[in-house]
Amino acid sequence: NFVQSGGGEFAFYHIIRRLLMPGITVTNGRKMVIVPFEDGEMTAVALQRVLKFTTPCHGHGTCGRCKIHVILPNGARSVQLACMYPAREMTIEMPVIRLKVD
């Protein structure tokens, strides 16, 4: 349940994502992954289903290890704790994207 792309395909997949598959777009500038989410869940929970994403404090917001950079519609970035930030359709930047392998 995710889409991955790299390089020049980013813009194309960004448009397709908006039309067909709402979710959290995770990018590092070269790679993009779309993470589905459920209503009412925190961003960290959604990310953990698809990515290797840890929350050492188990979602209590005390360790700061789950910081994400949310890209706002005006292009500005907002730093948030994924374990405390409600999941919604948005774009976030992460320096390293590691897919979870079952």
C-alpha atoms as a PDB file:
ATOM      1  CA  ASN A   1       0.000   0.000   0.000  1.00  0.00           C
ATOM      2  CA  PHE A   2       2.665   2.512  -0.868  1.00  0.00           C
ATOM      3  CA  VAL A   3       4.183   4.128  -3.924  1.00  0.00           C
ATOM      4  CA  GLN A   4       7.907   4.635  -4.267  1.00  0.00           C
ATOM      5  CA  SER A   5       9.699   6.723  -6.844  1.00  0.00           C
ATOM      6  CA  GLY A   6      12.979   8.458  -7.433  1.00  0.00           C
ATOM      7  CA  GLY A   7      14.439  11.236  -9.522  1.00  0.00           C
ATOM      8  CA  GLY A   8      12.298  13.057 -12.081  1.00  0.00           C
ATOM      9  CA  GLU A   9       9.256  10.893 -11.452  1.00  0.00           C
ATOM     10  CA  PHE A  10       8.595  12.769  -8.195  1.00  0.00           C
ATOM     11  CA  ALA A  11       6.205  15.359  -9.681  1.00  0.00           C
ATOM     12  CA  PHE A  12       4.246  12.750 -11.634  1.00  0.00           C
ATOM     13  CA  TYR A  13       3.700  10.534  -8.603  1.00  0.00           C
ATOM     14  CA  HIS A  14       2.849  13.533  -6.451  1.00  0.00           C
ATOM     15  CA  ILE A  15      -0.041  14.354  -8.806  1.00  0.00           C
ATOM     16  CA  ILE A  16      -1.197  10.727  -8.992  1.00  0.00           C
ATOM     17  CA  ARG A  17      -1.071  10.437  -5.195  1.00  0.00           C
ATOM     18  CA  ARG A  18      -3.407  13.382  -4.773  1.00  0.00           C
ATOM     19  CA  LEU A  19      -5.891  11.873  -7.206  1.00  0.00           C
ATOM     20  CA  LEU A  20      -5.849   8.193  -6.310  1.00  0.00           C
ATOM     21  CA  MET A  21      -4.271   7.536  -2.948  1.00  0.00           C
ATOM     22  CA  PRO A  22      -4.492  10.048  -0.128  1.00  0.00           C
ATOM     23  CA  GLY A  23      -1.793   9.575   2.467  1.00  0.00           C
ATOM     24  CA  ILE A  24       1.397  10.936   3.945  1.00  0.00           C
ATOM     25  CA  THR A  25       4.031  11.662   1.310  1.00  0.00           C
ATOM     26  CA  VAL A  26       7.483  10.989   2.735  1.00  0.00           C
ATOM     27  CA  THR A  27      10.419  12.300   0.714  1.00  0.00           C
ATOM     28  CA  ASN A  28      14.131  12.856   0.998  1.00  0.00           C
ATOM     29  CA  GLY A  29      14.429  14.742  -2.288  1.00  0.00           C
ATOM     30  CA  ARG A  30      15.373  11.661  -4.327  1.00  0.00           C
ATOM     31  CA  LYS A  31      12.910   9.040  -3.137  1.00  0.00           C
ATOM     32  CA  MET A  32       9.226   9.264  -2.303  1.00  0.00           C
ATOM     33  CA  VAL A  33       7.001   6.870  -0.378  1.00  0.00           C
ATOM     34  CA  ILE A  34       3.276   7.262   0.201  1.00  0.00           C
ATOM     35  CA  VAL A  35       2.103   6.009   3.575  1.00  0.00           C
ATOM     36  CA  PRO A  36      -1.621   5.378   4.106  1.00  0.00           C
ATOM     37  CA  PHE A  37      -3.136   6.327   7.437  1.00  0.00           C
ATOM     38  CA  GLU A  38      -6.322   5.771   9.371  1.00  0.00           C
ATOM     39  CA  ASP A  39      -8.495   8.523  10.831  1.00  0.00           C
ATOM     40  CA  GLY A  40      -7.476   9.446  14.355  1.00  0.00           C
ATOM     41  CA  GLU A  41      -4.033   7.849  14.414  1.00  0.00           C
ATOM     42  CA  MET A  42      -0.738   9.591  15.036  1.00  0.00           C
ATOM     43  CA  THR A  43       1.750  10.059  12.210  1.00  0.00           C
ATOM     44  CA  ALA A  44       4.330   7.784  13.888  1.00  0.00           C
ATOM     45  CA  VAL A  45       1.891   4.849  13.928  1.00  0.00           C
ATOM     46  CA  ALA A  46       1.229   5.204  10.190  1.00  0.00           C
ATOM     47  CA  LEU A  47       4.941   5.550   9.383  1.00  0.00           C
ATOM     48  CA  GLN A  48       5.820   2.447  11.421  1.00  0.00           C
ATOM     49  CA  ARG A  49       3.553   0.270   9.260  1.00  0.00           C
ATOM     50  CA  VAL A  50       5.625   0.982   6.124  1.00  0.00           C
ATOM     51  CA  LEU A  51       8.985   2.383   7.250  1.00  0.00           C
ATOM     52  CA  LYS A  52      11.692   1.512   9.737  1.00  0.00           C
ATOM     53  CA  PHE A  53      10.736   4.338  12.084  1.00  0.00           C
ATOM     54  CA  THR A  54      11.413   4.149  15.803  1.00  0.00           C
ATOM     55  CA  THR A  55       9.863   5.865  18.786  1.00  0.00           C
ATOM     56  CA  PRO A  56      12.074   4.917  21.758  1.00  0.00           C
ATOM     57  CA  CYS A  57       9.715   6.628  24.242  1.00  0.00           C
ATOM     58  CA  HIS A  58       6.776   4.598  22.826  1.00  0.00           C
ATOM     59  CA  GLY A  59       4.850   7.673  21.717  1.00  0.00           C
ATOM     60  CA  HIS A  60       5.028   9.705  24.923  1.00  0.00           C
ATOM     61  CA  GLY A  61       6.774  12.661  23.245  1.00  0.00           C
ATOM     62  CA  THR A  62       9.725  12.687  25.627  1.00  0.00           C
ATOM     63  CA  CYS A  63      12.722  11.496  23.576  1.00  0.00           C
ATOM     64  CA  GLY A  64      12.468  13.723  20.491  1.00  0.00           C
ATOM     65  CA  ARG A  65      13.739  10.934  18.196  1.00  0.00           C
ATOM     66  CA  CYS A  66      10.661  11.010  15.946  1.00  0.00           C
ATOM     67  CA  LYS A  67      11.063  14.580  14.675  1.00  0.00           C
ATOM     68  CA  ILE A  68       9.682  15.135  11.202  1.00  0.00           C
ATOM     69  CA  HIS A  69       9.794  18.169   8.926  1.00  0.00           C
ATOM     70  CA  VAL A  70       6.268  18.893   7.705  1.00  0.00           C
ATOM     71  CA  ILE A  71       6.233  20.882   4.466  1.00  0.00           C
ATOM     72  CA  LEU A  72       3.437  23.419   4.716  1.00  0.00           C
ATOM     73  CA  PRO A  73       1.391  24.534   1.677  1.00  0.00           C
ATOM     74  CA  ASN A  74       3.353  27.826   1.512  1.00  0.00           C
ATOM     75  CA  GLY A  75       6.653  25.884   1.305  1.00  0.00           C
ATOM     76  CA  ALA A  76       7.703  26.595   4.885  1.00  0.00           C
ATOM     77  CA  ARG A  77       8.743  23.705   7.124  1.00  0.00           C
ATOM     78  CA  SER A  78       7.448  22.928  10.576  1.00  0.00           C
ATOM     79  CA  VAL A  79       9.303  20.541  12.900  1.00  0.00           C
ATOM     80  CA  GLN A  80       6.933  18.206  14.735  1.00  0.00           C
ATOM     81  CA  LEU A  81       7.095  15.034  16.818  1.00  0.00           C
ATOM     82  CA  ALA A  82       5.475  12.286  14.735  1.00  0.00           C
ATOM     83  CA  CYS A  83       4.248  10.498  17.854  1.00  0.00           C
ATOM     84  CA  MET A  84       2.253  13.578  18.889  1.00  0.00           C
ATOM     85  CA  TYR A  85       1.209  14.856  15.431  1.00  0.00           C
ATOM     86  CA  PRO A  86      -2.112  13.601  14.015  1.00  0.00           C
ATOM     87  CA  ALA A  87      -1.814  11.830  10.658  1.00  0.00           C
ATOM     88  CA  ARG A  88      -3.370  13.655   7.734  1.00  0.00           C
ATOM     89  CA  GLU A  89      -2.699  14.169   4.055  1.00  0.00           C
ATOM     90  CA  MET A  90       0.631  15.992   4.082  1.00  0.00           C
ATOM     91  CA  THR A  91       4.211  15.933   2.855  1.00  0.00           C
ATOM     92  CA  ILE A  92       7.097  15.353   5.236  1.00  0.00           C
ATOM     93  CA  GLU A  93      10.846  15.341   4.706  1.00  0.00           C
ATOM     94  CA  MET A  94      13.103  12.743   6.266  1.00  0.00           C
ATOM     95  CA  PRO A  95      16.838  12.493   5.528  1.00  0.00           C
ATOM     96  CA  VAL A  96      16.764   8.684   5.267  1.00  0.00           C
ATOM     97  CA  ILE A  97      13.845   6.538   4.134  1.00  0.00           C
ATOM     98  CA  ARG A  98      14.114   2.849   4.986  1.00  0.00           C
ATOM     99  CA  LEU A  99      11.267   0.562   3.980  1.00  0.00           C
ATOM    100  CA  LYS A 100      10.153  -2.056   6.454  1.00  0.00           C
ATOM    101  CA  VAL A 101      10.833  -5.579   5.211  1.00  0.00           C
ATOM    102  CA  ASP A 102       8.423  -8.262   6.370  1.00  0.00           C
END
